[in-house]
PDB file of N, CA and C in Angstrom:
ATOM      1  N   MET A   1      -0.691 137.535 -77.317  1.00  0.00           N
ATOM      2  CA  MET A   1       0.320 136.167 -76.991  1.00  0.00           C
ATOM      3  C   MET A   1       0.434 135.263 -75.961  1.00  0.00           C
ATOM      4  N   THR A   2       0.799 135.821 -74.666  1.00  0.00           N
ATOM      5  CA  THR A   2       0.796 135.459 -73.364  1.00  0.00           C
ATOM      6  C   THR A   2      -0.621 134.560 -73.454  1.00  0.00           C
ATOM      7  N   SER A   3      -1.706 135.029 -73.352  1.00  0.00           N
ATOM      8  CA  SER A   3      -2.954 134.452 -73.135  1.00  0.00           C
ATOM      9  C   SER A   3      -3.007 133.801 -74.246  1.00  0.00           C
ATOM     10  N   ASP A   4      -2.721 133.423 -75.404  1.00  0.00           N
ATOM     11  CA  ASP A   4      -2.776 132.549 -76.179  1.00  0.00           C
ATOM     12  C   ASP A   4      -2.210 131.756 -75.971  1.00  0.00           C
ATOM     13  N   ILE A   5      -0.842 131.802 -75.369  1.00  0.00           N
ATOM     14  CA  ILE A   5      -0.160 130.115 -74.553  1.00  0.00           C
ATOM     15  C   ILE A   5      -0.874 129.909 -73.538  1.00  0.00           C
ATOM     16  N   THR A   6      -1.228 130.611 -72.507  1.00  0.00           N
ATOM     17  CA  THR A   6      -1.906 130.067 -71.672  1.00  0.00           C
ATOM     18  C   THR A   6      -3.510 129.613 -71.898  1.00  0.00           C
ATOM     19  N   VAL A   7      -4.026 129.404 -72.668  1.00  0.00           N
ATOM     20  CA  VAL A   7      -5.247 128.976 -73.132  1.00  0.00           C
ATOM     21  C   VAL A   7      -4.889 127.858 -74.072  1.00  0.00           C
ATOM     22  N   GLN A   8      -3.558 127.873 -74.649  1.00  0.00           N
ATOM     23  CA  GLN A   8      -3.462 126.439 -75.161  1.00  0.00           C
ATOM     24  C   GLN A   8      -3.048 125.624 -74.083  1.00  0.00           C
ATOM     25  N   ILE A   9      -2.305 126.119 -72.901  1.00  0.00           N
ATOM     26  CA  ILE A   9      -1.788 125.266 -72.587  1.00  0.00           C
ATOM     27  C   ILE A   9      -2.810 124.505 -70.863  1.00  0.00           C
ATOM     28  N   LEU A  10      -3.799 125.666 -71.445  1.00  0.00           N
ATOM     29  CA  LEU A  10      -4.654 124.943 -70.472  1.00  0.00           C
ATOM     30  C   LEU A  10      -5.742 124.224 -70.937  1.00  0.00           C
ATOM     31  N   ARG A  11      -5.783 123.689 -72.136  1.00  0.00           N
ATOM     32  CA  ARG A  11      -6.254 123.178 -73.185  1.00  0.00           C
ATOM     33  C   ARG A  11      -5.573 121.720 -73.258  1.00  0.00           C
ATOM     34  N   GLU A  12      -4.784 121.830 -73.639  1.00  0.00           N
ATOM     35  CA  GLU A  12      -4.268 120.875 -73.648  1.00  0.00           C
ATOM     36  C   GLU A  12      -3.979 119.978 -72.189  1.00  0.00           C
ATOM     37  N   ILE A  13      -3.727 120.857 -70.782  1.00  0.00           N
ATOM     38  CA  ILE A  13      -4.263 119.761 -69.497  1.00  0.00           C
ATOM     39  C   ILE A  13      -5.549 119.442 -69.418  1.00  0.00           C
ATOM     40  N   ARG A  14      -6.790 120.648 -69.815  1.00  0.00           N
ATOM     41  CA  ARG A  14      -7.902 120.086 -69.779  1.00  0.00           C
ATOM     42  C   ARG A  14      -7.878 118.273 -70.951  1.00  0.00           C
ATOM     43  N   ASP A  15      -7.570 118.583 -71.828  1.00  0.00           N
ATOM     44  CA  ASP A  15      -7.584 117.643 -72.343  1.00  0.00           C
ATOM     45  C   ASP A  15      -6.638 115.985 -72.019  1.00  0.00           C
ATOM     46  N   GLY A  16      -5.363 116.553 -71.229  1.00  0.00           N
ATOM     47  CA  GLY A  16      -5.144 115.285 -70.990  1.00  0.00           C
ATOM     48  C   GLY A  16      -5.349 114.545 -69.572  1.00  0.00           C
ATOM     49  N   ILE A  17      -6.591 115.965 -68.891  1.00  0.00           N
ATOM     50  CA  ILE A  17      -7.138 114.999 -68.349  1.00  0.00           C
ATOM     51  C   ILE A  17      -8.915 114.251 -68.310  1.00  0.00           C
ATOM     52  N   HIS A  18      -8.747 114.860 -69.409  1.00  0.00           N
ATOM     53  CA  HIS A  18     -10.036 113.980 -69.905  1.00  0.00           C
ATOM     54  C   HIS A  18      -9.548 112.673 -70.506  1.00  0.00           C
ATOM     55  N   GLU A  19      -8.528 112.474 -71.057  1.00  0.00           N
ATOM     56  CA  GLU A  19      -7.761 111.593 -71.736  1.00  0.00           C
ATOM     57  C   GLU A  19      -7.060 110.625 -70.601  1.00  0.00           C
ATOM     58  N   MET A  20      -6.730 110.680 -69.540  1.00  0.00           N
ATOM     59  CA  MET A  20      -6.641 110.458 -68.333  1.00  0.00           C
ATOM     60  C   MET A  20      -7.948 109.818 -67.487  1.00  0.00           C
ATOM     61  N   ARG A  21      -8.939 110.598 -67.820  1.00  0.00           N
ATOM     62  CA  ARG A  21     -10.249 110.139 -66.870  1.00  0.00           C
ATOM     63  C   ARG A  21     -10.609 108.856 -67.637  1.00  0.00           C
ATOM     64  N   ASN A  22     -10.773 109.123 -69.080  1.00  0.00           N
ATOM     65  CA  ASN A  22     -11.248 107.876 -69.985  1.00  0.00           C
ATOM     66  C   ASN A  22     -10.165 106.622 -69.651  1.00  0.00           C
ATOM     67  N   ASP A  23      -9.153 106.886 -69.654  1.00  0.00           N
ATOM     68  CA  ASP A  23      -7.902 105.720 -69.457  1.00  0.00           C
ATOM     69  C   ASP A  23      -8.747 104.644 -68.158  1.00  0.00           C
ATOM     70  N   PHE A  24      -8.926 106.184 -67.148  1.00  0.00           N
ATOM     71  CA  PHE A  24      -8.946 105.426 -65.763  1.00  0.00           C
ATOM     72  C   PHE A  24     -10.109 104.612 -65.506  1.00  0.00           C
ATOM     73  N   ASN A  25     -11.568 104.997 -66.549  1.00  0.00           N
ATOM     74  CA  ASN A  25     -12.583 104.623 -66.600  1.00  0.00           C
ATOM     75  C   ASN A  25     -12.589 102.994 -67.434  1.00  0.00           C
ATOM     76  N   ALA A  26     -12.213 103.025 -68.340  1.00  0.00           N
ATOM     77  CA  ALA A  26     -11.367 101.678 -69.075  1.00  0.00           C
ATOM     78  C   ALA A  26     -11.059 101.102 -68.141  1.00  0.00           C
ATOM     79  N   ARG A  27      -9.930 101.076 -67.794  1.00  0.00           N
ATOM     80  CA  ARG A  27      -9.325 100.106 -66.580  1.00  0.00           C
ATOM     81  C   ARG A  27      -9.972  99.838 -65.686  1.00  0.00           C
ATOM     82  N   LEU A  28     -10.997 100.595 -65.356  1.00  0.00           N
ATOM     83  CA  LEU A  28     -11.958 100.398 -64.218  1.00  0.00           C
ATOM     84  C   LEU A  28     -13.146  99.758 -65.064  1.00  0.00           C
ATOM     85  N   ASP A  29     -13.685  99.638 -65.714  1.00  0.00           N
ATOM     86  CA  ASP A  29     -14.714  98.668 -66.680  1.00  0.00           C
ATOM     87  C   ASP A  29     -13.819  97.169 -67.033  1.00  0.00           C
ATOM     88  N   GLU A  30     -12.377  97.621 -66.839  1.00  0.00           N
ATOM     89  CA  GLU A  30     -12.042  96.272 -67.420  1.00  0.00           C
ATOM     90  C   GLU A  30     -11.718  95.333 -65.980  1.00  0.00           C
ATOM     91  N   THR A  31     -11.307  95.732 -65.126  1.00  0.00           N
ATOM     92  CA  THR A  31     -11.029  95.404 -63.422  1.00  0.00           C
ATOM     93  C   THR A  31     -12.594  95.025 -63.179  1.00  0.00           C
ATOM     94  N   ASN A  32     -13.273  95.672 -63.400  1.00  0.00           N
ATOM     95  CA  ASN A  32     -14.848  95.285 -63.150  1.00  0.00           C
ATOM     96  C   ASN A  32     -15.208  94.054 -63.462  1.00  0.00           C
ATOM     97  N   ASN A  33     -14.902  93.880 -65.282  1.00  0.00           N
ATOM     98  CA  ASN A  33     -15.110  92.763 -65.803  1.00  0.00           C
ATOM     99  C   ASN A  33     -14.712  91.603 -65.099  1.00  0.00           C
ATOM    100  N   ARG A  34     -13.756  92.119 -64.696  1.00  0.00           N
ATOM    101  CA  ARG A  34     -12.884  90.270 -64.720  1.00  0.00           C
ATOM    102  C   ARG A  34     -13.046  90.278 -63.086  1.00  0.00           C
ATOM    103  N   LEU A  35     -13.352  91.177 -61.810  1.00  0.00           N
ATOM    104  CA  LEU A  35     -14.510  90.849 -60.662  1.00  0.00           C
ATOM    105  C   LEU A  35     -15.526  90.030 -61.150  1.00  0.00           C
ATOM    106  N   ASP A  36     -16.380  90.237 -62.048  1.00  0.00           N
ATOM    107  CA  ASP A  36     -17.752  89.735 -62.351  1.00  0.00           C
ATOM    108  C   ASP A  36     -17.384  88.547 -62.756  1.00  0.00           C
ATOM    109  N   GLN A  37     -16.411  88.515 -63.408  1.00  0.00           N
ATOM    110  CA  GLN A  37     -15.555  86.818 -64.140  1.00  0.00           C
ATOM    111  C   GLN A  37     -15.328  86.063 -63.202  1.00  0.00           C
ATOM    112  N   ARG A  38     -14.511  86.215 -62.441  1.00  0.00           N
ATOM    113  CA  ARG A  38     -14.033  85.951 -61.084  1.00  0.00           C
ATOM    114  C   ARG A  38     -15.191  85.098 -60.188  1.00  0.00           C
ATOM    115  N   ASP A  39     -16.259  86.340 -59.399  1.00  0.00           N
ATOM    116  CA  ASP A  39     -17.312  86.451 -59.073  1.00  0.00           C
ATOM    117  C   ASP A  39     -18.044  84.870 -59.332  1.00  0.00           C
ATOM    118  N   ALA A  40     -18.063  85.288 -60.883  1.00  0.00           N
ATOM    119  CA  ALA A  40     -18.897  84.084 -61.599  1.00  0.00           C
ATOM    120  C   ALA A  40     -18.117  82.836 -61.649  1.00  0.00           C
ATOM    121  N   HIS A  41     -16.732  82.546 -61.598  1.00  0.00           N
ATOM    122  CA  HIS A  41     -16.345  81.418 -61.203  1.00  0.00           C
ATOM    123  C   HIS A  41     -16.132  80.699 -59.818  1.00  0.00           C
ATOM    124  N   LEU A  42     -16.359  81.780 -58.910  1.00  0.00           N
ATOM    125  CA  LEU A  42     -16.222  80.825 -57.675  1.00  0.00           C
ATOM    126  C   LEU A  42     -17.796  80.586 -57.771  1.00  0.00           C
ATOM    127  N   ASP A  43     -18.812  81.371 -57.919  1.00  0.00           N
ATOM    128  CA  ASP A  43     -20.224  80.582 -57.546  1.00  0.00           C
ATOM    129  C   ASP A  43     -20.165  79.708 -58.337  1.00  0.00           C
ATOM    130  N   ARG A  44     -19.717  79.278 -58.976  1.00  0.00           N
ATOM    131  CA  ARG A  44     -19.377  77.711 -60.033  1.00  0.00           C
ATOM    132  C   ARG A  44     -18.317  76.679 -58.631  1.00  0.00           C
ATOM    133  N   ILE A  45     -17.872  77.241 -58.400  1.00  0.00           N
ATOM    134  CA  ILE A  45     -16.889  76.340 -57.600  1.00  0.00           C
ATOM    135  C   ILE A  45     -17.539  76.106 -56.113  1.00  0.00           C
ATOM    136  N   GLU A  46     -18.224  77.194 -55.757  1.00  0.00           N
ATOM    137  CA  GLU A  46     -19.052  76.859 -54.468  1.00  0.00           C
ATOM    138  C   GLU A  46     -20.232  76.511 -54.782  1.00  0.00           C
ATOM    139  N   HIS A  47     -21.169  76.330 -55.761  1.00  0.00           N
ATOM    140  CA  HIS A  47     -22.316  75.199 -55.749  1.00  0.00           C
ATOM    141  C   HIS A  47     -21.411  73.772 -56.215  1.00  0.00           C
ATOM    142  N   GLY A  48     -20.108  73.410 -56.625  1.00  0.00           N
ATOM    143  CA  GLY A  48     -19.772  72.348 -57.148  1.00  0.00           C
ATOM    144  C   GLY A  48     -19.244  71.839 -55.946  1.00  0.00           C
ATOM    145  N   LEU A  49     -18.936  72.844 -54.786  1.00  0.00           N
ATOM    146  CA  LEU A  49     -18.533  71.908 -53.192  1.00  0.00           C
ATOM    147  C   LEU A  49     -19.566  71.578 -52.955  1.00  0.00           C
ATOM    148  N   ASP A  50     -20.794  72.682 -52.690  1.00  0.00           N
ATOM    149  CA  ASP A  50     -21.951  72.365 -51.732  1.00  0.00           C
ATOM    150  C   ASP A  50     -22.939  70.850 -52.902  1.00  0.00           C
ATOM    151  N   ASN A  51     -22.644  70.294 -53.842  1.00  0.00           N
ATOM    152  CA  ASN A  51     -23.015  69.469 -54.519  1.00  0.00           C
ATOM    153  C   ASN A  51     -22.076  68.547 -53.930  1.00  0.00           C
ATOM    154  N   LEU A  52     -20.644  68.305 -54.267  1.00  0.00           N
ATOM    155  CA  LEU A  52     -19.392  67.333 -53.549  1.00  0.00           C
ATOM    156  C   LEU A  52     -19.709  67.222 -51.854  1.00  0.00           C
ATOM    157  N   GLY A  53     -19.791  67.816 -51.087  1.00  0.00           N
ATOM    158  CA  GLY A  53     -20.666  68.003 -49.985  1.00  0.00           C
ATOM    159  C   GLY A  53     -21.872  67.030 -49.532  1.00  0.00           C
ATOM    160  N   GLN A  54     -22.655  67.714 -50.469  1.00  0.00           N
ATOM    161  CA  GLN A  54     -24.148  67.037 -50.460  1.00  0.00           C
ATOM    162  C   GLN A  54     -23.878  65.206 -50.941  1.00  0.00           C
ATOM    163  N   VAL A  55     -23.208  64.698 -51.482  1.00  0.00           N
ATOM    164  CA  VAL A  55     -22.808  63.410 -52.163  1.00  0.00           C
ATOM    165  C   VAL A  55     -22.020  63.354 -50.896  1.00  0.00           C
ATOM    166  N   MET A  56     -20.913  63.173 -50.512  1.00  0.00           N
ATOM    167  CA  MET A  56     -20.074  63.156 -49.302  1.00  0.00           C
ATOM    168  C   MET A  56     -21.171  62.744 -48.234  1.00  0.00           C
ATOM    169  N   ARG A  57     -21.819  63.479 -47.461  1.00  0.00           N
ATOM    170  CA  ARG A  57     -22.768  63.400 -46.470  1.00  0.00           C
ATOM    171  C   ARG A  57     -23.625  61.955 -46.825  1.00  0.00           C
ATOM    172  N   GLN A  58     -24.415  62.099 -48.097  1.00  0.00           N
ATOM    173  CA  GLN A  58     -24.695  60.691 -48.472  1.00  0.00           C
ATOM    174  C   GLN A  58     -24.515  59.329 -48.106  1.00  0.00           C
ATOM    175  N   PHE A  59     -23.082  59.506 -48.831  1.00  0.00           N
ATOM    176  CA  PHE A  59     -22.061  58.117 -49.066  1.00  0.00           C
ATOM    177  C   PHE A  59     -21.615  57.812 -47.186  1.00  0.00           C
ATOM    178  N   ALA A  60     -21.868  59.106 -47.011  1.00  0.00           N
ATOM    179  CA  ALA A  60     -21.190  58.845 -44.745  1.00  0.00           C
ATOM    180  C   ALA A  60     -22.615  58.466 -44.672  1.00  0.00           C
ATOM    181  N   LEU A  61     -23.874  58.613 -44.465  1.00  0.00           N
ATOM    182  CA  LEU A  61     -24.698  58.070 -44.245  1.00  0.00           C
ATOM    183  C   LEU A  61     -25.038  56.611 -44.232  1.00  0.00           C
ATOM    184  N   GLY A  62     -24.979  56.290 -45.804  1.00  0.00           N
ATOM    185  CA  GLY A  62     -25.124  55.362 -46.663  1.00  0.00           C
ATOM    186  C   GLY A  62     -23.991  53.996 -45.950  1.00  0.00           C
ATOM    187  N   GLN A  63     -22.937  54.831 -45.779  1.00  0.00           N
ATOM    188  CA  GLN A  63     -21.538  53.786 -44.919  1.00  0.00           C
ATOM    189  C   GLN A  63     -22.333  53.406 -43.457  1.00  0.00           C
ATOM    190  N   ALA A  64     -22.522  54.408 -42.582  1.00  0.00           N
ATOM    191  CA  ALA A  64     -23.199  54.355 -41.276  1.00  0.00           C
ATOM    192  C   ALA A  64     -23.789  53.482 -41.011  1.00  0.00           C
ATOM    193  N   LYS A  65     -24.963  53.650 -42.223  1.00  0.00           N
ATOM    194  CA  LYS A  65     -25.851  52.225 -41.873  1.00  0.00           C
ATOM    195  C   LYS A  65     -25.778  51.398 -42.190  1.00  0.00           C
ATOM    196  N   HIS A  66     -24.478  50.693 -43.415  1.00  0.00           N
ATOM    197  CA  HIS A  66     -23.859  49.678 -43.793  1.00  0.00           C
ATOM    198  C   HIS A  66     -23.566  49.081 -42.530  1.00  0.00           C
ATOM    199  N   GLU A  67     -22.324  49.763 -41.490  1.00  0.00           N
ATOM    200  CA  GLU A  67     -21.854  49.204 -40.776  1.00  0.00           C
ATOM    201  C   GLU A  67     -23.177  49.363 -39.670  1.00  0.00           C
ATOM    202  N   ARG A  68     -24.012  49.697 -39.589  1.00  0.00           N
ATOM    203  CA  ARG A  68     -24.617  49.617 -38.347  1.00  0.00           C
ATOM    204  C   ARG A  68     -25.466  47.953 -38.607  1.00  0.00           C
ATOM    205  N   PHE A  69     -25.588  47.864 -40.032  1.00  0.00           N
ATOM    206  CA  PHE A  69     -26.459  46.464 -40.153  1.00  0.00           C
ATOM    207  C   PHE A  69     -25.829  45.083 -40.164  1.00  0.00           C
ATOM    208  N   HIS A  70     -24.782  45.658 -40.512  1.00  0.00           N
ATOM    209  CA  HIS A  70     -23.169  44.325 -40.094  1.00  0.00           C
ATOM    210  C   HIS A  70     -23.173  44.017 -38.869  1.00  0.00           C
ATOM    211  N   THR A  71     -22.889  45.560 -37.785  1.00  0.00           N
ATOM    212  CA  THR A  71     -22.501  45.402 -36.532  1.00  0.00           C
ATOM    213  C   THR A  71     -23.385  44.111 -35.928  1.00  0.00           C
ATOM    214  N   HIS A  72     -24.937  44.820 -36.420  1.00  0.00           N
ATOM    215  CA  HIS A  72     -26.498  43.792 -35.843  1.00  0.00           C
ATOM    216  C   HIS A  72     -26.046  42.776 -36.084  1.00  0.00           C
ATOM    217  N   HIS A  73     -25.734  42.223 -37.277  1.00  0.00           N
ATOM    218  CA  HIS A  73     -25.412  40.668 -37.493  1.00  0.00           C
ATOM    219  C   HIS A  73     -24.367  40.206 -37.484  1.00  0.00           C
ATOM    220  N   VAL A  74     -23.393  40.286 -36.853  1.00  0.00           N
ATOM    221  CA  VAL A  74     -22.193  40.156 -36.063  1.00  0.00           C
ATOM    222  C   VAL A  74     -22.571  39.343 -34.793  1.00  0.00           C
ATOM    223  N   GLU A  75     -23.346  40.502 -34.183  1.00  0.00           N
ATOM    224  CA  GLU A  75     -24.289  40.567 -32.642  1.00  0.00           C
ATOM    225  C   GLU A  75     -25.117  39.257 -32.803  1.00  0.00           C
ATOM    226  N   ILE A  76     -25.902  39.195 -33.552  1.00  0.00           N
ATOM    227  CA  ILE A  76     -26.889  37.741 -33.650  1.00  0.00           C
ATOM    228  C   ILE A  76     -25.395  36.628 -33.801  1.00  0.00           C
ATOM    229  N   LEU A  77     -25.001  37.007 -34.417  1.00  0.00           N
ATOM    230  CA  LEU A  77     -23.862  35.386 -35.143  1.00  0.00           C
ATOM    231  C   LEU A  77     -23.432  35.017 -33.725  1.00  0.00           C
ATOM    232  N   GLU A  78     -22.620  36.107 -32.777  1.00  0.00           N
ATOM    233  CA  GLU A  78     -22.473  36.042 -31.685  1.00  0.00           C
ATOM    234  C   GLU A  78     -23.061  35.316 -30.206  1.00  0.00           C
ATOM    235  N   VAL A  79     -24.238  35.753 -30.965  1.00  0.00           N
ATOM    236  CA  VAL A  79     -25.231  35.305 -29.641  1.00  0.00           C
ATOM    237  C   VAL A  79     -25.347  33.672 -30.511  1.00  0.00           C
ATOM    238  N   ASP A  80     -25.338  33.532 -31.031  1.00  0.00           N
ATOM    239  CA  ASP A  80     -25.460  32.160 -32.121  1.00  0.00           C
ATOM    240  C   ASP A  80     -24.398  30.861 -31.741  1.00  0.00           C
ATOM    241  N   VAL A  81     -23.149  31.932 -31.696  1.00  0.00           N
ATOM    242  CA  VAL A  81     -22.210  30.749 -31.903  1.00  0.00           C
ATOM    243  C   VAL A  81     -21.720  30.211 -30.105  1.00  0.00           C
ATOM    244  N   ASN A  82     -21.970  31.485 -29.081  1.00  0.00           N
ATOM    245  CA  ASN A  82     -22.297  31.224 -27.651  1.00  0.00           C
ATOM    246  C   ASN A  82     -23.375  30.349 -27.047  1.00  0.00           C
ATOM    247  N   ASP A  83     -24.396  30.464 -28.081  1.00  0.00           N
ATOM    248  CA  ASP A  83     -25.874  28.958 -28.041  1.00  0.00           C
ATOM    249  C   ASP A  83     -25.047  28.011 -28.485  1.00  0.00           C
ATOM    250  N   LEU A  84     -24.471  27.581 -29.541  1.00  0.00           N
ATOM    251  CA  LEU A  84     -23.332  26.587 -29.702  1.00  0.00           C
ATOM    252  C   LEU A  84     -22.460  25.756 -29.307  1.00  0.00           C
ATOM    253  N   LYS A  85     -21.907  26.807 -28.154  1.00  0.00           N
ATOM    254  CA  LYS A  85     -20.696  26.381 -27.968  1.00  0.00           C
ATOM    255  C   LYS A  85     -21.630  26.014 -26.681  1.00  0.00           C
ATOM    256  N   GLY A  86     -22.532  26.722 -25.995  1.00  0.00           N
ATOM    257  CA  GLY A  86     -23.433  25.381 -24.641  1.00  0.00           C
ATOM    258  C   GLY A  86     -24.040  23.992 -25.519  1.00  0.00           C
ATOM    259  N   ARG A  87     -24.835  24.173 -26.145  1.00  0.00           N
ATOM    260  CA  ARG A  87     -25.147  22.835 -27.025  1.00  0.00           C
ATOM    261  C   ARG A  87     -23.814  21.774 -27.266  1.00  0.00           C
ATOM    262  N   VAL A  88     -22.802  22.361 -27.654  1.00  0.00           N
ATOM    263  CA  VAL A  88     -21.882  21.486 -27.821  1.00  0.00           C
ATOM    264  C   VAL A  88     -21.101  20.916 -26.311  1.00  0.00           C
ATOM    265  N   ALA A  89     -21.544  22.231 -25.546  1.00  0.00           N
ATOM    266  CA  ALA A  89     -20.422  21.233 -23.751  1.00  0.00           C
ATOM    267  C   ALA A  89     -21.487  20.848 -23.323  1.00  0.00           C
ATOM    268  N   ARG A  90     -23.323  20.916 -23.784  1.00  0.00           N
ATOM    269  CA  ARG A  90     -23.968  19.887 -23.184  1.00  0.00           C
ATOM    270  C   ARG A  90     -23.664  18.463 -23.806  1.00  0.00           C
ATOM    271  N   LEU A  91     -23.712  18.390 -24.983  1.00  0.00           N
ATOM    272  CA  LEU A  91     -23.657  16.954 -25.632  1.00  0.00           C
ATOM    273  C   LEU A  91     -22.410  16.188 -25.308  1.00  0.00           C
ATOM    274  N   GLU A  92     -21.161  17.106 -24.975  1.00  0.00           N
ATOM    275  CA  GLU A  92     -19.983  16.545 -24.230  1.00  0.00           C
ATOM    276  C   GLU A  92     -20.151  15.836 -23.128  1.00  0.00           C
ATOM    277  N   GLU A  93     -21.192  16.537 -21.990  1.00  0.00           N
ATOM    278  CA  GLU A  93     -21.128  16.225 -21.111  1.00  0.00           C
ATOM    279  C   GLU A  93     -22.071  14.739 -20.842  1.00  0.00           C
ATOM    280  N   ARG A  94     -23.103  14.855 -21.975  1.00  0.00           N
ATOM    281  CA  ARG A  94     -23.872  13.487 -22.007  1.00  0.00           C
ATOM    282  C   ARG A  94     -22.767  12.517 -22.555  1.00  0.00           C
ATOM    283  N   VAL A  95     -21.978  12.792 -23.656  1.00  0.00           N
ATOM    284  CA  VAL A  95     -21.042  11.634 -23.617  1.00  0.00           C
ATOM    285  C   VAL A  95     -20.171  11.153 -23.069  1.00  0.00           C
ATOM    286  N   GLY A  96     -19.337  11.999 -22.743  1.00  0.00           N
ATOM    287  CA  GLY A  96     -18.214  11.775 -21.377  1.00  0.00           C
ATOM    288  C   GLY A  96     -17.446  11.725 -22.129  1.00  0.00           C
ATOM    289  N   PRO A  97     -16.026  11.451 -21.371  1.00  0.00           N
ATOM    290  CA  PRO A  97     -14.622  11.807 -21.927  1.00  0.00           C
ATOM    291  C   PRO A  97     -14.433  10.584 -22.789  1.00  0.00           C
TER     292      PRO A  97
END
């Protein structure tokens, strides 16, 4: 009789261990699935940020080109204005006070 009780207790322990192992494996699988989903989500975010970075870089390059274009033309205008000032000064000298 004691032997039967011992066998029964051992079977219950074994079954409990199997059940705990199954629960643990199910939770582990669920955690792995959630991690896979997070990885996929982070990959999409990383891809989006990479695209945004490329767009921002192109925008910055375009802006720099635009600024160089205008700076060059402002410099040309300054030369022309100085030339005109010189011409006006020479005309004023010819005409007199």
